Protein backbone atom coordinates (compact mmCIF):
# COMPACT_ATOMS: atom_id res chain seq x y z
CA MET A 1 -104.69 10.98 2.45
CA THR A 2 -105.31 7.27 2.71
CA SER A 3 -102.93 6.62 -0.20
CA ASP A 4 -100.18 8.70 1.43
CA SER A 5 -100.60 6.81 4.72
CA ASN A 6 -100.36 3.44 2.96
CA ASP A 7 -97.22 4.57 1.10
CA ALA A 8 -95.63 5.71 4.35
CA GLU A 9 -96.43 2.40 6.06
CA ARG A 10 -94.95 0.45 3.12
CA ALA A 11 -91.78 2.59 3.28
CA LYS A 12 -91.40 1.88 7.00
CA HIS A 13 -91.89 -1.85 6.40
CA VAL A 14 -89.23 -1.91 3.65
CA SER A 15 -86.75 0.00 5.83
CA ARG A 16 -87.23 -2.42 8.72
CA SER A 17 -86.75 -5.42 6.37
CA GLU A 18 -83.54 -3.97 4.96
CA ILE A 19 -82.13 -3.36 8.44
CA SER A 20 -82.96 -6.86 9.71
CA GLU A 21 -81.64 -8.66 6.61
CA ASN A 22 -78.65 -6.56 5.51
CA GLY A 23 -77.52 -4.79 8.65
CA PRO A 24 -78.13 -1.24 9.87
CA THR A 25 -76.12 0.44 7.07
CA ALA A 26 -77.57 -1.47 4.08
CA HIS A 27 -79.93 0.30 1.67
CA ALA A 28 -82.17 -0.95 -1.06
CA GLY A 29 -80.28 -1.51 -4.28
CA ALA A 30 -76.87 -1.06 -2.65
CA SER A 31 -74.14 -3.63 -3.27
CA PRO A 32 -72.82 -5.53 -0.25
CA ALA A 33 -69.57 -4.21 1.20
CA PRO A 34 -66.48 -5.95 -0.26
CA PRO A 35 -64.41 -8.20 1.99
CA VAL A 36 -61.72 -6.43 3.94
CA ALA A 37 -58.25 -7.49 2.83
CA GLY A 38 -55.98 -9.10 5.36
CA GLY A 39 -58.52 -11.05 7.35
CA GLY A 40 -60.82 -8.22 8.53
CA PRO A 41 -64.32 -8.80 9.94
CA THR A 42 -65.50 -10.07 6.55
CA GLY A 43 -62.13 -11.19 5.23
CA PRO A 44 -60.90 -14.71 4.46
CA SER A 45 -60.37 -15.57 8.11
CA ALA A 46 -63.96 -14.75 9.06
CA ILE A 47 -66.56 -17.51 9.51
CA PRO A 48 -70.21 -16.86 8.47
CA THR A 49 -72.86 -17.57 11.08
CA PRO A 50 -76.41 -18.87 10.45
CA SER A 51 -77.80 -15.40 11.14
CA GLY A 52 -75.74 -13.92 8.34
CA GLY A 53 -73.06 -12.31 10.50
CA VAL A 54 -69.40 -13.21 10.78
CA THR A 55 -67.15 -14.23 13.62
CA ARG A 56 -63.48 -14.85 14.10
CA PRO A 57 -62.32 -18.50 14.05
CA ALA A 58 -61.84 -19.93 17.54
CA GLN A 59 -58.28 -19.72 18.85
CA PRO A 60 -56.72 -21.95 21.54
CA PRO A 61 -56.50 -20.26 24.92
CA PRO A 62 -53.10 -18.81 25.89
CA GLY A 63 -50.80 -21.53 27.19
CA PHE A 64 -52.62 -24.38 25.42
CA GLY A 65 -49.53 -25.50 23.47
CA LYS A 66 -47.32 -25.39 26.57
CA GLY A 67 -49.90 -27.43 28.51
CA VAL A 68 -50.05 -30.08 25.80
CA ASN A 69 -46.25 -30.16 25.63
CA ASP A 70 -46.01 -30.71 29.40
CA TYR A 71 -48.62 -33.48 29.13
CA LEU A 72 -46.76 -35.27 26.33
CA ASN A 73 -43.38 -34.98 28.02
CA HIS A 74 -44.85 -36.37 31.24
CA TYR A 75 -45.84 -39.52 29.38
CA VAL A 76 -42.45 -39.70 27.66
CA THR A 77 -41.03 -39.92 31.20
CA VAL A 78 -43.64 -42.57 32.08
CA ALA A 79 -42.70 -44.65 29.03
CA ASP A 80 -39.00 -44.46 29.90
CA ALA A 81 -39.74 -45.44 33.52
CA LYS A 82 -41.80 -48.44 32.39
CA ALA A 83 -39.02 -49.55 30.04
CA GLY A 84 -36.45 -49.17 32.84
CA ALA A 85 -38.55 -51.28 35.22
CA ILE A 86 -39.04 -54.02 32.62
CA LEU A 87 -35.32 -53.98 31.83
CA ALA A 88 -34.50 -54.46 35.52
CA ALA A 89 -36.97 -57.35 35.73
CA ASN A 90 -35.44 -58.95 32.64
CA LEU A 91 -31.98 -58.76 34.16
CA ALA A 92 -33.19 -60.25 37.44
CA VAL A 93 -34.94 -63.21 35.80
CA GLY A 94 -32.09 -63.70 33.35
CA ALA A 95 -29.53 -63.73 36.17
CA ALA A 96 -31.57 -66.34 38.02
CA LEU A 97 -31.64 -68.51 34.90
CA LEU A 98 -27.91 -68.20 34.35
CA ASP A 99 -27.24 -69.17 37.98
CA ASN A 100 -29.19 -72.39 37.39
CA GLN A 101 -27.96 -73.28 33.92
CA PRO A 102 -28.83 -76.90 33.17
CA ALA A 103 -26.27 -79.38 31.91
CA VAL A 104 -28.81 -81.55 30.13
CA ASP A 105 -32.29 -81.28 28.65
CA PRO A 106 -34.70 -79.55 28.61
CA LEU A 107 -32.31 -77.01 27.05
CA PHE A 108 -34.79 -75.78 24.41
CA ARG A 109 -37.14 -74.14 26.93
CA TYR A 110 -34.22 -72.71 28.86
CA ARG A 111 -32.65 -71.15 25.77
CA ALA A 112 -36.01 -69.90 24.51
CA ALA A 113 -36.62 -68.21 27.86
CA LEU A 114 -33.23 -66.51 27.75
CA ALA A 115 -33.86 -65.43 24.16
CA MET A 116 -37.20 -63.81 25.04
CA LEU A 117 -35.67 -62.02 28.02
CA GLY A 118 -32.80 -60.82 25.83
CA ILE A 119 -35.16 -59.51 23.16
CA SER A 120 -37.25 -57.74 25.79
CA SER A 121 -34.11 -56.13 27.23
CA LEU A 122 -33.04 -54.88 23.80
CA ILE A 123 -36.46 -53.37 23.17
CA CYS A 124 -36.31 -51.59 26.54
CA MET A 125 -32.93 -50.11 25.64
CA VAL A 126 -34.37 -48.85 22.34
CA VAL A 127 -37.12 -47.08 24.32
CA VAL A 128 -34.77 -45.26 26.69
CA PHE A 129 -31.94 -44.64 24.19
CA PRO A 130 -31.82 -40.86 23.52
CA ARG A 131 -32.42 -39.81 19.95
CA LEU A 132 -30.98 -36.67 18.38
CA PRO A 133 -32.93 -35.86 15.21
CA SER A 134 -31.57 -33.10 13.02
CA GLY A 135 -32.68 -29.65 14.10
CA GLY A 136 -35.21 -27.57 12.18
CA GLU A 137 -36.12 -23.90 12.43
CA GLY A 138 -38.13 -23.91 15.65
CA SER A 139 -37.43 -22.17 18.94
CA ILE A 140 -38.32 -24.93 21.44
CA PHE A 141 -36.49 -28.16 20.56
CA TRP A 142 -32.90 -28.06 21.82
CA GLU A 143 -31.39 -29.05 18.47
CA ASP A 144 -33.27 -26.16 16.82
CA ILE A 145 -31.96 -23.78 19.49
CA ARG A 146 -28.39 -25.06 19.08
CA LYS A 147 -28.54 -24.43 15.33
CA ARG A 148 -29.03 -20.69 15.96
CA GLY A 149 -25.29 -20.44 16.51
CA SER A 150 -25.26 -17.86 19.30
CA LEU A 151 -27.31 -16.57 22.19
CA ALA A 152 -27.73 -13.22 20.44
CA VAL A 153 -29.28 -14.81 17.34
CA TYR A 154 -31.57 -17.03 19.40
CA GLY A 155 -32.55 -14.13 21.66
CA SER A 156 -33.42 -12.01 18.64
CA LYS A 157 -35.64 -14.80 17.30
CA VAL A 158 -37.43 -15.20 20.63
CA ARG A 159 -38.05 -11.45 20.92
CA SER A 160 -39.71 -11.46 17.51
CA LEU A 161 -42.30 -14.07 18.51
CA ASN A 162 -45.89 -13.06 19.23
CA GLU A 163 -48.55 -15.16 20.93
CA GLU A 164 -49.70 -16.82 17.68
CA ASP A 165 -46.10 -17.65 16.75
CA VAL A 166 -45.56 -19.31 20.14
CA GLU A 167 -48.67 -21.47 19.77
CA ARG A 168 -47.57 -22.41 16.25
CA GLU A 169 -44.12 -23.40 17.54
CA TYR A 170 -45.66 -25.55 20.26
CA ALA A 171 -48.08 -27.15 17.79
CA SER A 172 -45.15 -28.22 15.60
CA GLN A 173 -43.14 -29.49 18.57
CA ASN A 174 -46.13 -31.36 20.01
CA TRP A 175 -46.74 -33.11 16.71
CA PHE A 176 -43.23 -34.60 16.71
CA VAL A 177 -43.29 -35.44 20.42
CA SER A 178 -46.58 -37.28 19.93
CA SER A 179 -44.97 -39.44 17.23
CA LEU A 180 -42.03 -40.18 19.54
CA LEU A 181 -44.42 -41.03 22.37
CA HIS A 182 -46.41 -43.38 20.14
CA ARG A 183 -43.26 -45.31 19.22
CA LYS A 184 -42.08 -45.49 22.82
CA PHE A 185 -45.32 -46.96 24.11
CA ARG A 186 -45.51 -49.38 21.17
CA TYR A 187 -42.02 -50.64 22.08
CA VAL A 188 -43.02 -50.85 25.74
CA GLN A 189 -45.93 -53.08 24.74
CA TRP A 190 -43.61 -55.41 22.87
CA ALA A 191 -41.15 -55.40 25.78
CA ILE A 192 -43.93 -56.48 28.14
CA VAL A 193 -45.09 -59.24 25.77
CA THR A 194 -41.59 -60.67 25.27
CA PHE A 195 -40.85 -60.42 29.01
CA ALA A 196 -44.06 -62.30 29.80
CA LEU A 197 -43.08 -65.01 27.29
CA GLY A 198 -39.64 -65.23 28.86
CA VAL A 199 -41.12 -65.64 32.34
CA ALA A 200 -43.60 -68.26 31.09
CA LEU A 201 -40.84 -70.23 29.38
CA SER A 202 -38.69 -69.94 32.50
CA GLY A 203 -41.50 -71.39 34.60
CA TRP A 204 -42.11 -74.15 32.07
CA TRP A 205 -38.41 -75.02 32.12
CA ALA A 206 -38.27 -74.95 35.94
CA LEU A 207 -41.26 -77.26 36.26
CA GLY A 208 -39.85 -79.69 33.70
CA SER A 209 -36.28 -79.76 34.97
């Protein structure tokens, strides 16, 4: 009787261990269930957890790509506005210099000031000049839309998109907009530097004339 009780207790202990380690459907000696094809709960898209379970990879919340796109395009507008303001300042300082063109020395500082203001103005125009890169296969960038050829073709493409496709489209678009934004603000930096040099040289010329 004692032996039977001990055997029963050992059997209960083994069953509890199997359930806690292998899940409620695992049995001693059984092979683990094969991964489910196509990204099921234990498929290639699943992520193991420290406890031995699996979870789906985190996805961005709905509207994330659109929010990032709005954010990037806001700063594209900011970069263009900065370049426009610097261009206007260049023209104002340059006009003042031209109205007071010296007939004699110190011509070097005067010409250097005009050169810096001219370079700054050119950089500003590069910032605001619209670029039309060749279209790809997306559904957001206007050149991609234009390449569809007709409203019917583009409408058919849009109707076929699901939520994951939309986020993927925005991710691609945001990548290219971020590169454009980086270049714009880099040019704005150089425009500010050359404008500041032009103003400094203008002041130096005015004090020495």
